[in-house]
Each structure stands twice: as structure tokens, then as C-alpha cells.
Amino acid sequence: MPSDIPQALNILSLARSSDKASSIPNTSLEVLSLSKKQTLTLEKTTWLLVLEGELIIDLPFGDFRVLKVGDSLQLQEGLQVKMEPLEETVLLRQSI
């Protein structure tokens, strides 16, 4: 097999391989598996895409979003958000 052919990458397995975000090689994307509630303060504008599961994102001022598979959301720099998975959830994210 020629060495210039890229190898397949199972993104869901990569996300589950660590309790922290994992970088996708040669991209600016990360994958993250969530199984418990987390609070984040965003240092950069962040784009999220749900690959698996379902997630409630609590935003400031009493606002919230429920994201399901295929849903995406852009969150602005400086926001503090609480993310609560309703089941194990895998996110694709990019900070810009």
C-alpha cells in the first residue's frame, strides 16, 4: 500500500480514549466525550457539533439550548457555560 494514502480515523473512539479533548491530527478540530456535567469559561469563540448523544448547554441569563446529534452551536469568547449530557455525548469542537 502506498504510504501517501491517509489512514481512517474513528473519531468516536478517539473521543472516548481520554477524559480530555483529543486533537484530530492535521486539523484545528478536537473531539470530546462528556459523561458528566462540566462548566467551561470560553477563552475563544467555540463551535460545537454533537456527533453522538444529547446535551443541555446552560447559557448566561437563564438561557439554554438542547443539542442532539447533528446540532451545532457557536459560543462567544468569554462566556461561562454549563454542559450537562443527558447520556454519554461526543462533541466535535473548534476554537477560532
PDB file of N, CA and C in Angstrom:
ATOM      1  N   MET A   1       0.834  -1.180   0.000  1.00  0.00           N
ATOM      2  CA  MET A   1       0.000   0.000   0.000  1.00  0.00           C
ATOM      3  C   MET A   1       0.880   1.245   0.000  1.00  0.00           C
ATOM      4  N   PRO A   2       0.572   2.227  -0.847  1.00  0.00           N
ATOM      5  CA  PRO A   2       1.358   3.460  -0.845  1.00  0.00           C
ATOM      6  C   PRO A   2       1.237   4.181   0.493  1.00  0.00           C
ATOM      7  N   SER A   3       2.296   4.799   0.938  1.00  0.00           N
ATOM      8  CA  SER A   3       2.304   5.469   2.242  1.00  0.00           C
ATOM      9  C   SER A   3       1.610   6.833   2.220  1.00  0.00           C
ATOM     10  N   ASP A   4       1.292   7.374   1.032  1.00  0.00           N
ATOM     11  CA  ASP A   4       0.648   8.677   0.972  1.00  0.00           C
ATOM     12  C   ASP A   4      -0.874   8.596   1.098  1.00  0.00           C
ATOM     13  N   ILE A   5      -1.437   7.397   1.257  1.00  0.00           N
ATOM     14  CA  ILE A   5      -2.868   7.248   1.452  1.00  0.00           C
ATOM     15  C   ILE A   5      -3.171   7.402   2.940  1.00  0.00           C
ATOM     16  N   PRO A   6      -4.030   8.367   3.302  1.00  0.00           N
ATOM     17  CA  PRO A   6      -4.329   8.584   4.721  1.00  0.00           C
ATOM     18  C   PRO A   6      -5.032   7.376   5.339  1.00  0.00           C
ATOM     19  N   GLN A   7      -4.770   7.151   6.607  1.00  0.00           N
ATOM     20  CA  GLN A   7      -5.432   6.091   7.342  1.00  0.00           C
ATOM     21  C   GLN A   7      -6.756   6.611   7.899  1.00  0.00           C
ATOM     22  N   ALA A   8      -7.733   5.733   7.970  1.00  0.00           N
ATOM     23  CA  ALA A   8      -9.039   6.097   8.534  1.00  0.00           C
ATOM     24  C   ALA A   8      -8.884   6.359  10.028  1.00  0.00           C
ATOM     25  N   LEU A   9      -9.670   7.290  10.538  1.00  0.00           N
ATOM     26  CA  LEU A   9      -9.640   7.634  11.954  1.00  0.00           C
ATOM     27  C   LEU A   9     -11.054   7.536  12.504  1.00  0.00           C
ATOM     28  N   ASN A  10     -11.242   6.728  13.536  1.00  0.00           N
ATOM     29  CA  ASN A  10     -12.545   6.607  14.181  1.00  0.00           C
ATOM     30  C   ASN A  10     -12.646   7.717  15.229  1.00  0.00           C
ATOM     31  N   ILE A  11     -13.373   8.764  14.901  1.00  0.00           N
ATOM     32  CA  ILE A  11     -13.449   9.948  15.756  1.00  0.00           C
ATOM     33  C   ILE A  11     -14.135   9.641  17.086  1.00  0.00           C
ATOM     34  N   LEU A  12     -15.165   8.804  17.070  1.00  0.00           N
ATOM     35  CA  LEU A  12     -15.854   8.460  18.317  1.00  0.00           C
ATOM     36  C   LEU A  12     -14.920   7.714  19.265  1.00  0.00           C
ATOM     37  N   SER A  13     -14.135   6.791  18.724  1.00  0.00           N
ATOM     38  CA  SER A  13     -13.167   6.064  19.564  1.00  0.00           C
ATOM     39  C   SER A  13     -12.094   6.997  20.097  1.00  0.00           C
ATOM     40  N   LEU A  14     -11.639   7.930  19.265  1.00  0.00           N
ATOM     41  CA  LEU A  14     -10.640   8.901  19.702  1.00  0.00           C
ATOM     42  C   LEU A  14     -11.188   9.725  20.870  1.00  0.00           C
ATOM     43  N   ALA A  15     -12.433  10.154  20.779  1.00  0.00           N
ATOM     44  CA  ALA A  15     -13.050  10.953  21.851  1.00  0.00           C
ATOM     45  C   ALA A  15     -13.135  10.160  23.145  1.00  0.00           C
ATOM     46  N   ARG A  16     -13.468   8.890  23.048  1.00  0.00           N
ATOM     47  CA  ARG A  16     -13.628   8.052  24.245  1.00  0.00           C
ATOM     48  C   ARG A  16     -12.301   7.587  24.836  1.00  0.00           C
ATOM     49  N   SER A  17     -11.215   7.799  24.127  1.00  0.00           N
ATOM     50  CA  SER A  17      -9.912   7.314  24.580  1.00  0.00           C
ATOM     51  C   SER A  17      -9.307   8.157  25.703  1.00  0.00           C
ATOM     52  N   SER A  18      -9.891   9.296  26.007  1.00  0.00           N
ATOM     53  CA  SER A  18      -9.344  10.191  27.022  1.00  0.00           C
ATOM     54  C   SER A  18     -10.481  10.920  27.727  1.00  0.00           C
ATOM     55  N   ASP A  19     -10.210  11.369  28.950  1.00  0.00           N
ATOM     56  CA  ASP A  19     -11.222  12.171  29.647  1.00  0.00           C
ATOM     57  C   ASP A  19     -11.063  13.656  29.331  1.00  0.00           C
ATOM     58  N   LYS A  20     -10.125  13.982  28.455  1.00  0.00           N
ATOM     59  CA  LYS A  20      -9.915  15.357  27.993  1.00  0.00           C
ATOM     60  C   LYS A  20     -10.146  15.407  26.487  1.00  0.00           C
ATOM     61  N   ALA A  21     -10.193  16.606  25.946  1.00  0.00           N
ATOM     62  CA  ALA A  21     -10.348  16.769  24.500  1.00  0.00           C
ATOM     63  C   ALA A  21      -9.132  16.194  23.782  1.00  0.00           C
ATOM     64  N   SER A  22      -9.383  15.536  22.653  1.00  0.00           N
ATOM     65  CA  SER A  22      -8.315  14.971  21.829  1.00  0.00           C
ATOM     66  C   SER A  22      -8.279  15.703  20.497  1.00  0.00           C
ATOM     67  N   SER A  23      -7.099  16.072  20.056  1.00  0.00           N
ATOM     68  CA  SER A  23      -6.946  16.753  18.768  1.00  0.00           C
ATOM     69  C   SER A  23      -7.064  15.756  17.628  1.00  0.00           C
ATOM     70  N   ILE A  24      -7.711  16.178  16.559  1.00  0.00           N
ATOM     71  CA  ILE A  24      -7.761  15.379  15.341  1.00  0.00           C
ATOM     72  C   ILE A  24      -6.539  15.771  14.530  1.00  0.00           C
ATOM     73  N   PRO A  25      -5.676  14.818  14.202  1.00  0.00           N
ATOM     74  CA  PRO A  25      -4.418  15.131  13.526  1.00  0.00           C
ATOM     75  C   PRO A  25      -4.615  15.953  12.247  1.00  0.00           C
ATOM     76  N   ASN A  26      -3.729  16.903  12.062  1.00  0.00           N
ATOM     77  CA  ASN A  26      -3.672  17.758  10.872  1.00  0.00           C
ATOM     78  C   ASN A  26      -4.896  18.649  10.679  1.00  0.00           C
ATOM     79  N   THR A  27      -5.606  18.935  11.774  1.00  0.00           N
ATOM     80  CA  THR A  27      -6.753  19.850  11.719  1.00  0.00           C
ATOM     81  C   THR A  27      -6.723  20.746  12.949  1.00  0.00           C
ATOM     82  N   SER A  28      -7.633  21.697  13.002  1.00  0.00           N
ATOM     83  CA  SER A  28      -7.788  22.528  14.195  1.00  0.00           C
ATOM     84  C   SER A  28      -8.983  22.066  15.022  1.00  0.00           C
ATOM     85  N   LEU A  29      -9.438  20.837  14.774  1.00  0.00           N
ATOM     86  CA  LEU A  29     -10.607  20.283  15.448  1.00  0.00           C
ATOM     87  C   LEU A  29     -10.205  19.399  16.622  1.00  0.00           C
ATOM     88  N   GLU A  30     -11.114  19.327  17.604  1.00  0.00           N
ATOM     89  CA  GLU A  30     -10.943  18.435  18.744  1.00  0.00           C
ATOM     90  C   GLU A  30     -12.237  17.652  18.933  1.00  0.00           C
ATOM     91  N   VAL A  31     -12.112  16.469  19.534  1.00  0.00           N
ATOM     92  CA  VAL A  31     -13.285  15.694  19.919  1.00  0.00           C
ATOM     93  C   VAL A  31     -13.244  15.488  21.421  1.00  0.00           C
ATOM     94  N   LEU A  32     -14.423  15.415  22.012  1.00  0.00           N
ATOM     95  CA  LEU A  32     -14.532  15.329  23.464  1.00  0.00           C
ATOM     96  C   LEU A  32     -15.739  14.467  23.810  1.00  0.00           C
ATOM     97  N   SER A  33     -15.539  13.535  24.722  1.00  0.00           N
ATOM     98  CA  SER A  33     -16.626  12.712  25.222  1.00  0.00           C
ATOM     99  C   SER A  33     -17.020  13.229  26.604  1.00  0.00           C
ATOM    100  N   LEU A  34     -18.305  13.510  26.784  1.00  0.00           N
ATOM    101  CA  LEU A  34     -18.813  14.004  28.064  1.00  0.00           C
ATOM    102  C   LEU A  34     -19.763  12.984  28.666  1.00  0.00           C
ATOM    103  N   SER A  35     -19.555  12.674  29.948  1.00  0.00           N
ATOM    104  CA  SER A  35     -20.483  11.778  30.637  1.00  0.00           C
ATOM    105  C   SER A  35     -20.994  12.405  31.930  1.00  0.00           C
ATOM    106  N   LYS A  36     -20.442  13.569  32.290  1.00  0.00           N
ATOM    107  CA  LYS A  36     -20.926  14.268  33.484  1.00  0.00           C
ATOM    108  C   LYS A  36     -20.898  15.774  33.231  1.00  0.00           C
ATOM    109  N   LYS A  37     -21.600  16.508  34.072  1.00  0.00           N
ATOM    110  CA  LYS A  37     -21.731  17.955  33.936  1.00  0.00           C
ATOM    111  C   LYS A  37     -20.368  18.649  34.049  1.00  0.00           C
ATOM    112  N   GLN A  38     -20.139  19.635  33.190  1.00  0.00           N
ATOM    113  CA  GLN A  38     -18.900  20.423  33.212  1.00  0.00           C
ATOM    114  C   GLN A  38     -19.236  21.894  33.047  1.00  0.00           C
ATOM    115  N   THR A  39     -18.409  22.737  33.653  1.00  0.00           N
ATOM    116  CA  THR A  39     -18.523  24.179  33.468  1.00  0.00           C
ATOM    117  C   THR A  39     -17.284  24.650  32.730  1.00  0.00           C
ATOM    118  N   LEU A  40     -17.479  25.445  31.681  1.00  0.00           N
ATOM    119  CA  LEU A  40     -16.374  25.966  30.883  1.00  0.00           C
ATOM    120  C   LEU A  40     -16.457  27.478  30.796  1.00  0.00           C
ATOM    121  N   THR A  41     -15.318  28.132  30.887  1.00  0.00           N
ATOM    122  CA  THR A  41     -15.210  29.536  30.532  1.00  0.00           C
ATOM    123  C   THR A  41     -14.451  29.575  29.220  1.00  0.00           C
ATOM    124  N   LEU A  42     -15.083  30.080  28.176  1.00  0.00           N
ATOM    125  CA  LEU A  42     -14.513  30.016  26.833  1.00  0.00           C
ATOM    126  C   LEU A  42     -13.477  31.112  26.624  1.00  0.00           C
ATOM    127  N   GLU A  43     -12.265  30.695  26.299  1.00  0.00           N
ATOM    128  CA  GLU A  43     -11.183  31.642  26.041  1.00  0.00           C
ATOM    129  C   GLU A  43     -11.230  32.170  24.610  1.00  0.00           C
ATOM    130  N   LYS A  44     -11.887  31.417  23.727  1.00  0.00           N
ATOM    131  CA  LYS A  44     -12.041  31.815  22.328  1.00  0.00           C
ATOM    132  C   LYS A  44     -13.467  31.487  21.897  1.00  0.00           C
ATOM    133  N   THR A  45     -13.903  32.086  20.799  1.00  0.00           N
ATOM    134  CA  THR A  45     -15.176  31.698  20.213  1.00  0.00           C
ATOM    135  C   THR A  45     -15.070  30.224  19.856  1.00  0.00           C
ATOM    136  N   THR A  46     -16.094  29.448  20.202  1.00  0.00           N
ATOM    137  CA  THR A  46     -16.032  27.998  20.038  1.00  0.00           C
ATOM    138  C   THR A  46     -17.264  27.502  19.298  1.00  0.00           C
ATOM    139  N   TRP A  47     -17.015  26.614  18.350  1.00  0.00           N
ATOM    140  CA  TRP A  47     -18.066  25.999  17.567  1.00  0.00           C
ATOM    141  C   TRP A  47     -18.187  24.553  18.030  1.00  0.00           C
ATOM    142  N   LEU A  48     -19.406  24.080  18.311  1.00  0.00           N
ATOM    143  CA  LEU A  48     -19.658  22.716  18.777  1.00  0.00           C
ATOM    144  C   LEU A  48     -20.596  22.005  17.813  1.00  0.00           C
ATOM    145  N   LEU A  49     -20.356  20.700  17.612  1.00  0.00           N
ATOM    146  CA  LEU A  49     -21.238  19.839  16.825  1.00  0.00           C
ATOM    147  C   LEU A  49     -21.404  18.542  17.597  1.00  0.00           C
ATOM    148  N   VAL A  50     -22.650  18.122  17.845  1.00  0.00           N
ATOM    149  CA  VAL A  50     -22.906  16.878  18.560  1.00  0.00           C
ATOM    150  C   VAL A  50     -22.826  15.720  17.570  1.00  0.00           C
ATOM    151  N   LEU A  51     -21.895  14.794  17.837  1.00  0.00           N
ATOM    152  CA  LEU A  51     -21.731  13.615  16.996  1.00  0.00           C
ATOM    153  C   LEU A  51     -22.522  12.425  17.530  1.00  0.00           C
ATOM    154  N   GLU A  52     -22.714  12.401  18.859  1.00  0.00           N
ATOM    155  CA  GLU A  52     -23.420  11.292  19.486  1.00  0.00           C
ATOM    156  C   GLU A  52     -23.987  11.769  20.819  1.00  0.00           C
ATOM    157  N   GLY A  53     -25.196  11.348  21.156  1.00  0.00           N
ATOM    158  CA  GLY A  53     -25.782  11.688  22.446  1.00  0.00           C
ATOM    159  C   GLY A  53     -26.664  12.920  22.398  1.00  0.00           C
ATOM    160  N   GLU A  54     -26.873  13.502  23.579  1.00  0.00           N
ATOM    161  CA  GLU A  54     -27.731  14.676  23.735  1.00  0.00           C
ATOM    162  C   GLU A  54     -27.187  15.511  24.883  1.00  0.00           C
ATOM    163  N   LEU A  55     -27.232  16.820  24.737  1.00  0.00           N
ATOM    164  CA  LEU A  55     -26.540  17.717  25.651  1.00  0.00           C
ATOM    165  C   LEU A  55     -27.380  18.955  25.924  1.00  0.00           C
ATOM    166  N   ILE A  56     -27.450  19.363  27.200  1.00  0.00           N
ATOM    167  CA  ILE A  56     -28.062  20.643  27.575  1.00  0.00           C
ATOM    168  C   ILE A  56     -26.931  21.613  27.854  1.00  0.00           C
ATOM    169  N   ILE A  57     -26.987  22.773  27.232  1.00  0.00           N
ATOM    170  CA  ILE A  57     -25.993  23.821  27.470  1.00  0.00           C
ATOM    171  C   ILE A  57     -26.706  24.976  28.152  1.00  0.00           C
ATOM    172  N   ASP A  58     -26.323  25.240  29.408  1.00  0.00           N
ATOM    173  CA  ASP A  58     -26.857  26.375  30.162  1.00  0.00           C
ATOM    174  C   ASP A  58     -26.017  27.599  29.843  1.00  0.00           C
ATOM    175  N   LEU A  59     -26.680  28.623  29.342  1.00  0.00           N
ATOM    176  CA  LEU A  59     -26.029  29.872  28.959  1.00  0.00           C
ATOM    177  C   LEU A  59     -26.328  30.933  30.017  1.00  0.00           C
ATOM    178  N   PRO A  60     -25.609  32.040  29.992  1.00  0.00           N
ATOM    179  CA  PRO A  60     -25.904  33.124  30.945  1.00  0.00           C
ATOM    180  C   PRO A  60     -27.339  33.655  30.789  1.00  0.00           C
ATOM    181  N   PHE A  61     -27.808  34.303  31.819  1.00  0.00           N
ATOM    182  CA  PHE A  61     -29.112  34.975  31.841  1.00  0.00           C
ATOM    183  C   PHE A  61     -30.289  34.013  31.719  1.00  0.00           C
ATOM    184  N   GLY A  62     -30.113  32.753  32.184  1.00  0.00           N
ATOM    185  CA  GLY A  62     -31.212  31.800  32.208  1.00  0.00           C
ATOM    186  C   GLY A  62     -31.543  31.152  30.876  1.00  0.00           C
ATOM    187  N   ASP A  63     -30.759  31.401  29.853  1.00  0.00           N
ATOM    188  CA  ASP A  63     -30.992  30.811  28.539  1.00  0.00           C
ATOM    189  C   ASP A  63     -30.335  29.433  28.478  1.00  0.00           C
ATOM    190  N   PHE A  64     -30.857  28.547  27.632  1.00  0.00           N
ATOM    191  CA  PHE A  64     -30.246  27.232  27.458  1.00  0.00           C
ATOM    192  C   PHE A  64     -30.551  26.708  26.057  1.00  0.00           C
ATOM    193  N   ARG A  65     -29.796  25.704  25.649  1.00  0.00           N
ATOM    194  CA  ARG A  65     -30.009  25.010  24.374  1.00  0.00           C
ATOM    195  C   ARG A  65     -29.925  23.519  24.638  1.00  0.00           C
ATOM    196  N   VAL A  66     -30.766  22.750  23.954  1.00  0.00           N
ATOM    197  CA  VAL A  66     -30.677  21.299  23.973  1.00  0.00           C
ATOM    198  C   VAL A  66     -30.179  20.884  22.594  1.00  0.00           C
ATOM    199  N   LEU A  67     -29.020  20.230  22.567  1.00  0.00           N
ATOM    200  CA  LEU A  67     -28.416  19.815  21.307  1.00  0.00           C
ATOM    201  C   LEU A  67     -28.493  18.302  21.172  1.00  0.00           C
ATOM    202  N   LYS A  68     -28.920  17.853  19.991  1.00  0.00           N
ATOM    203  CA  LYS A  68     -28.995  16.431  19.663  1.00  0.00           C
ATOM    204  C   LYS A  68     -28.036  16.153  18.517  1.00  0.00           C
ATOM    205  N   VAL A  69     -27.898  14.898  18.145  1.00  0.00           N
ATOM    206  CA  VAL A  69     -26.989  14.506  17.071  1.00  0.00           C
ATOM    207  C   VAL A  69     -27.236  15.371  15.834  1.00  0.00           C
ATOM    208  N   GLY A  70     -26.163  15.948  15.319  1.00  0.00           N
ATOM    209  CA  GLY A  70     -26.239  16.792  14.128  1.00  0.00           C
ATOM    210  C   GLY A  70     -26.445  18.269  14.420  1.00  0.00           C
ATOM    211  N   ASP A  71     -26.795  18.618  15.658  1.00  0.00           N
ATOM    212  CA  ASP A  71     -26.988  20.021  16.023  1.00  0.00           C
ATOM    213  C   ASP A  71     -25.640  20.677  16.303  1.00  0.00           C
ATOM    214  N   SER A  72     -25.544  21.947  15.946  1.00  0.00           N
ATOM    215  CA  SER A  72     -24.312  22.697  16.216  1.00  0.00           C
ATOM    216  C   SER A  72     -24.662  24.027  16.865  1.00  0.00           C
ATOM    217  N   LEU A  73     -23.653  24.627  17.482  1.00  0.00           N
ATOM    218  CA  LEU A  73     -23.845  25.887  18.190  1.00  0.00           C
ATOM    219  C   LEU A  73     -22.514  26.617  18.236  1.00  0.00           C
ATOM    220  N   GLN A  74     -22.554  27.921  18.010  1.00  0.00           N
ATOM    221  CA  GLN A  74     -21.361  28.753  18.164  1.00  0.00           C
ATOM    222  C   GLN A  74     -21.508  29.551  19.445  1.00  0.00           C
ATOM    223  N   LEU A  75     -20.488  29.465  20.299  1.00  0.00           N
ATOM    224  CA  LEU A  75     -20.481  30.170  21.586  1.00  0.00           C
ATOM    225  C   LEU A  75     -19.396  31.232  21.574  1.00  0.00           C
ATOM    226  N   GLN A  76     -19.727  32.418  22.065  1.00  0.00           N
ATOM    227  CA  GLN A  76     -18.817  33.548  22.007  1.00  0.00           C
ATOM    228  C   GLN A  76     -17.746  33.488  23.094  1.00  0.00           C
ATOM    229  N   GLU A  77     -16.614  34.025  22.775  1.00  0.00           N
ATOM    230  CA  GLU A  77     -15.481  34.147  23.701  1.00  0.00           C
ATOM    231  C   GLU A  77     -15.933  34.836  24.989  1.00  0.00           C
ATOM    232  N   GLY A  78     -15.446  34.334  26.122  1.00  0.00           N
ATOM    233  CA  GLY A  78     -15.723  34.945  27.408  1.00  0.00           C
ATOM    234  C   GLY A  78     -16.951  34.400  28.126  1.00  0.00           C
ATOM    235  N   LEU A  79     -17.785  33.645  27.428  1.00  0.00           N
ATOM    236  CA  LEU A  79     -18.969  33.078  28.073  1.00  0.00           C
ATOM    237  C   LEU A  79     -18.585  31.972  29.054  1.00  0.00           C
ATOM    238  N   GLN A  80     -19.342  31.874  30.126  1.00  0.00           N
ATOM    239  CA  GLN A  80     -19.218  30.725  31.016  1.00  0.00           C
ATOM    240  C   GLN A  80     -20.467  29.882  30.801  1.00  0.00           C
ATOM    241  N   VAL A  81     -20.276  28.636  30.404  1.00  0.00           N
ATOM    242  CA  VAL A  81     -21.400  27.753  30.102  1.00  0.00           C
ATOM    243  C   VAL A  81     -21.282  26.465  30.903  1.00  0.00           C
ATOM    244  N   LYS A  82     -22.446  25.903  31.209  1.00  0.00           N
ATOM    245  CA  LYS A  82     -22.501  24.596  31.864  1.00  0.00           C
ATOM    246  C   LYS A  82     -23.038  23.612  30.838  1.00  0.00           C
ATOM    247  N   MET A  83     -22.330  22.517  30.658  1.00  0.00           N
ATOM    248  CA  MET A  83     -22.741  21.487  29.713  1.00  0.00           C
ATOM    249  C   MET A  83     -23.124  20.239  30.493  1.00  0.00           C
ATOM    250  N   GLU A  84     -24.364  19.784  30.305  1.00  0.00           N
ATOM    251  CA  GLU A  84     -24.847  18.602  31.014  1.00  0.00           C
ATOM    252  C   GLU A  84     -25.340  17.566  30.000  1.00  0.00           C
ATOM    253  N   PRO A  85     -24.581  16.483  29.839  1.00  0.00           N
ATOM    254  CA  PRO A  85     -25.018  15.437  28.916  1.00  0.00           C
ATOM    255  C   PRO A  85     -26.180  14.639  29.516  1.00  0.00           C
ATOM    256  N   LEU A  86     -27.187  14.336  28.691  1.00  0.00           N
ATOM    257  CA  LEU A  86     -28.299  13.514  29.137  1.00  0.00           C
ATOM    258  C   LEU A  86     -27.945  12.035  29.035  1.00  0.00           C
ATOM    259  N   GLU A  87     -26.927  11.744  28.255  1.00  0.00           N
ATOM    260  CA  GLU A  87     -26.322  10.431  28.084  1.00  0.00           C
ATOM    261  C   GLU A  87     -24.901  10.704  27.620  1.00  0.00           C
ATOM    262  N   GLU A  88     -24.078   9.674  27.501  1.00  0.00           N
ATOM    263  CA  GLU A  88     -22.715   9.941  27.027  1.00  0.00           C
ATOM    264  C   GLU A  88     -22.811  10.670  25.687  1.00  0.00           C
ATOM    265  N   THR A  89     -22.106  11.780  25.591  1.00  0.00           N
ATOM    266  CA  THR A  89     -22.190  12.648  24.422  1.00  0.00           C
ATOM    267  C   THR A  89     -20.797  12.888  23.863  1.00  0.00           C
ATOM    268  N   VAL A  90     -20.690  12.832  22.541  1.00  0.00           N
ATOM    269  CA  VAL A  90     -19.423  13.111  21.865  1.00  0.00           C
ATOM    270  C   VAL A  90     -19.594  14.398  21.069  1.00  0.00           C
ATOM    271  N   LEU A  91     -18.683  15.343  21.301  1.00  0.00           N
ATOM    272  CA  LEU A  91     -18.700  16.640  20.628  1.00  0.00           C
ATOM    273  C   LEU A  91     -17.483  16.808  19.742  1.00  0.00           C
ATOM    274  N   LEU A  92     -17.698  17.448  18.616  1.00  0.00           N
ATOM    275  CA  LEU A  92     -16.616  17.939  17.770  1.00  0.00           C
ATOM    276  C   LEU A  92     -16.575  19.423  18.030  1.00  0.00           C
ATOM    277  N   ARG A  93     -15.385  19.962  18.300  1.00  0.00           N
ATOM    278  CA  ARG A  93     -15.316  21.402  18.591  1.00  0.00           C
ATOM    279  C   ARG A  93     -14.119  22.033  17.898  1.00  0.00           C
ATOM    280  N   GLN A  94     -14.276  23.321  17.660  1.00  0.00           N
ATOM    281  CA  GLN A  94     -13.204  24.125  17.090  1.00  0.00           C
ATOM    282  C   GLN A  94     -13.247  25.484  17.748  1.00  0.00           C
ATOM    283  N   SER A  95     -12.120  25.929  18.232  1.00  0.00           N
ATOM    284  CA  SER A  95     -11.990  27.278  18.793  1.00  0.00           C
ATOM    285  C   SER A  95     -11.369  28.160  17.726  1.00  0.00           C
ATOM    286  N   ILE A  96     -11.993  29.337  17.527  1.00  0.00           N
ATOM    287  CA  ILE A  96     -11.500  30.228  16.474  1.00  0.00           C
ATOM    288  C   ILE A  96     -11.190  31.606  17.023  1.00  0.00           C
TER     289      ILE A  96
END
